Amino acid sequence: MLKYVISGLFISSLALNGSISTPIWAAGTATAIASTESESQTQRLVIQVNKNDPELQDHVLSNIVNLQKHFGIDNIEIEVVAYGPGIWFLTDKSPHQQRIESLLLQNVVFTACGNTLDTIEAKEGKRPNLIEEVDITQAGIARIMERQNQGWNYLSP
């Protein structure tokens, strides 16, 4: 809710939409202040990566760093879920391995889809080697849905 300060009084934005007369409004300077309720809560974001596109993946990593700078590392939880062709983002062949390892040290969670890994293993006879500390979930898309049901924000670049 947006609140306003008028001559030292707090009022909600609803009051400004008709219940307060013009003379009171004119009597003081109005300054909008945002409620700090959401600012004090930890932000949570789950990011989907389902494309084997190094430029898009680089953009995802840059978004993570920018969000950490904006909210503070201790004020945001981020989980990146990779499935389908995006699984290669989390392998030891990824051009982004060093950046991912650095973000893992900053409590960013990277999760690989077990179904995708099983499919690759069935086709190629071997599972791809994941970057150390990458988690595995049975179904990547189900993991994203679980996070959304828990109130996490969702980003699909």
Protein backbone atom coordinates (compact mmCIF):
# COMPACT_ATOMS: atom_id res chain seq x y z
CA MET A 1 0.00 0.00 0.00
CA LEU A 2 1.25 3.47 -0.82
CA LYS A 3 1.13 5.91 2.06
CA TYR A 4 1.47 9.66 2.03
CA VAL A 5 2.71 12.17 4.58
CA ILE A 6 0.63 15.35 4.71
CA SER A 7 1.55 17.81 7.41
CA GLY A 8 2.95 14.94 9.47
CA LEU A 9 -0.10 12.66 9.09
CA PHE A 10 -0.01 9.24 7.42
CA ILE A 11 -2.89 8.46 5.12
CA SER A 12 -3.46 5.66 2.66
CA SER A 13 -3.78 6.21 -1.07
CA LEU A 14 -7.50 5.40 -0.68
CA ALA A 15 -8.02 8.50 1.40
CA LEU A 16 -6.54 10.62 -1.36
CA ASN A 17 -9.01 9.27 -3.87
CA GLY A 18 -11.95 11.24 -2.62
CA SER A 19 -12.38 11.12 1.14
CA ILE A 20 -10.13 14.06 1.94
CA SER A 21 -11.17 17.54 0.88
CA THR A 22 -9.02 19.82 -1.23
CA PRO A 23 -8.33 22.31 1.60
CA ILE A 24 -6.61 19.58 3.67
CA TRP A 25 -4.65 18.44 0.62
CA ALA A 26 -3.54 22.01 -0.05
CA ALA A 27 -2.62 22.58 3.60
CA GLY A 28 0.61 20.64 3.43
CA THR A 29 3.19 19.14 1.15
CA ALA A 30 2.50 15.53 0.22
CA THR A 31 5.39 13.09 0.07
CA ALA A 32 4.87 9.51 -1.07
CA ILE A 33 6.65 6.86 0.93
CA ALA A 34 6.69 3.20 0.04
CA SER A 35 5.68 0.66 2.62
CA THR A 36 8.76 -1.06 4.01
CA GLU A 37 6.90 -4.32 4.51
CA SER A 38 8.08 -5.85 1.21
CA GLU A 39 11.53 -4.30 1.53
CA SER A 40 12.22 -6.21 4.74
CA GLN A 41 11.22 -9.56 3.25
CA THR A 42 13.71 -11.78 1.47
CA GLN A 43 13.11 -11.71 -2.26
CA ARG A 44 12.88 -15.11 -3.97
CA LEU A 45 13.33 -15.79 -7.68
CA VAL A 46 13.36 -19.00 -9.70
CA ILE A 47 14.85 -18.71 -13.18
CA GLN A 48 14.15 -21.15 -16.00
CA VAL A 49 16.91 -22.06 -18.47
CA ASN A 50 15.69 -24.38 -21.22
CA LYS A 51 17.81 -23.24 -24.15
CA ASN A 52 21.41 -24.07 -25.01
CA ASP A 53 22.17 -20.47 -25.90
CA PRO A 54 25.40 -19.11 -24.36
CA GLU A 55 24.33 -15.48 -24.91
CA LEU A 56 21.01 -16.03 -23.12
CA GLN A 57 22.80 -17.91 -20.34
CA ASP A 58 25.27 -15.04 -19.97
CA HIS A 59 22.30 -12.69 -19.66
CA VAL A 60 20.83 -14.89 -16.89
CA LEU A 61 24.09 -14.75 -14.93
CA SER A 62 24.30 -10.98 -15.35
CA ASN A 63 20.70 -10.64 -14.12
CA ILE A 64 21.61 -12.62 -11.01
CA VAL A 65 24.56 -10.35 -10.21
CA ASN A 66 22.45 -7.24 -10.82
CA LEU A 67 19.70 -8.53 -8.51
CA GLN A 68 22.25 -9.31 -5.79
CA LYS A 69 23.60 -5.76 -6.07
CA HIS A 70 20.09 -4.28 -5.97
CA PHE A 71 18.67 -6.26 -3.04
CA GLY A 72 21.91 -7.32 -1.33
CA ILE A 73 23.20 -10.90 -1.39
CA ASP A 74 21.61 -11.66 1.98
CA ASN A 75 18.20 -10.32 0.88
CA ILE A 76 17.56 -12.47 -2.19
CA GLU A 77 17.33 -16.20 -2.79
CA ILE A 78 17.80 -17.33 -6.38
CA GLU A 79 17.41 -20.78 -7.90
CA VAL A 80 18.22 -21.47 -11.54
CA VAL A 81 16.48 -24.57 -12.94
CA ALA A 82 17.85 -26.02 -16.19
CA TYR A 83 16.07 -28.62 -18.29
CA GLY A 84 15.88 -29.74 -21.91
CA PRO A 85 18.66 -28.21 -24.03
CA GLY A 86 19.39 -25.79 -21.17
CA ILE A 87 20.93 -28.65 -19.17
CA TRP A 88 24.27 -28.05 -20.90
CA PHE A 89 24.47 -24.74 -19.04
CA LEU A 90 25.21 -26.70 -15.85
CA THR A 91 27.77 -29.17 -17.20
CA ASP A 92 31.53 -29.12 -16.86
CA LYS A 93 31.64 -28.21 -20.58
CA SER A 94 29.70 -24.97 -20.01
CA PRO A 95 31.51 -21.78 -21.06
CA HIS A 96 30.00 -20.27 -17.90
CA GLN A 97 31.40 -22.82 -15.43
CA GLN A 98 33.58 -20.34 -13.51
CA ARG A 99 30.78 -17.80 -13.11
CA ILE A 100 28.37 -20.52 -11.97
CA GLU A 101 30.90 -21.82 -9.43
CA SER A 102 31.36 -18.27 -8.12
CA LEU A 103 27.59 -17.79 -7.74
CA LEU A 104 27.28 -21.18 -6.01
CA LEU A 105 29.62 -19.76 -3.34
CA GLN A 106 27.16 -16.87 -2.94
CA ASN A 107 24.27 -19.24 -2.15
CA VAL A 108 22.69 -19.16 -5.61
CA VAL A 109 21.19 -22.61 -6.22
CA PHE A 110 21.54 -24.28 -9.60
CA THR A 111 19.29 -27.28 -10.24
CA ALA A 112 19.38 -29.74 -13.13
CA CYS A 113 16.42 -31.76 -14.39
CA GLY A 114 16.85 -35.48 -13.68
CA ASN A 115 14.46 -36.43 -16.49
CA THR A 116 16.64 -34.57 -19.00
CA LEU A 117 19.76 -36.26 -17.63
CA ASP A 118 18.05 -39.67 -17.93
CA THR A 119 17.05 -38.93 -21.53
CA ILE A 120 20.60 -37.93 -22.49
CA GLU A 121 21.96 -41.05 -20.79
CA ALA A 122 19.49 -43.27 -22.67
CA LYS A 123 20.45 -41.70 -26.02
CA GLU A 124 24.20 -41.30 -25.53
CA GLY A 125 24.96 -44.06 -23.02
CA LYS A 126 26.39 -41.57 -20.51
CA ARG A 127 25.09 -38.77 -18.32
CA PRO A 128 26.70 -35.36 -18.73
CA ASN A 129 29.06 -34.36 -15.92
CA LEU A 130 27.47 -31.57 -13.92
CA ILE A 131 29.37 -28.77 -12.24
CA GLU A 132 30.04 -29.71 -8.61
CA GLU A 133 27.36 -28.54 -6.16
CA VAL A 134 24.61 -28.47 -8.82
CA ASP A 135 21.45 -30.04 -7.39
CA ILE A 136 19.28 -32.52 -9.26
CA THR A 137 15.49 -32.60 -9.17
CA GLN A 138 13.33 -35.24 -10.84
CA ALA A 139 11.45 -32.83 -13.11
CA GLY A 140 12.76 -29.33 -13.74
CA ILE A 141 9.43 -27.84 -14.72
CA ALA A 142 7.81 -29.36 -11.62
CA ARG A 143 10.52 -27.73 -9.48
CA ILE A 144 9.68 -24.35 -11.01
CA MET A 145 5.98 -24.90 -10.28
CA GLU A 146 6.78 -25.86 -6.68
CA ARG A 147 8.75 -22.66 -6.21
CA GLN A 148 5.93 -20.59 -7.70
CA ASN A 149 3.45 -22.28 -5.34
CA GLN A 150 5.76 -21.28 -2.46
CA GLY A 151 5.48 -17.64 -3.53
CA TRP A 152 8.69 -17.34 -5.52
CA ASN A 153 8.84 -14.96 -8.48
CA TYR A 154 9.45 -16.59 -11.87
CA LEU A 155 11.69 -15.50 -14.73
CA SER A 156 11.86 -17.15 -18.12
CA PRO A 157 14.36 -15.18 -20.21
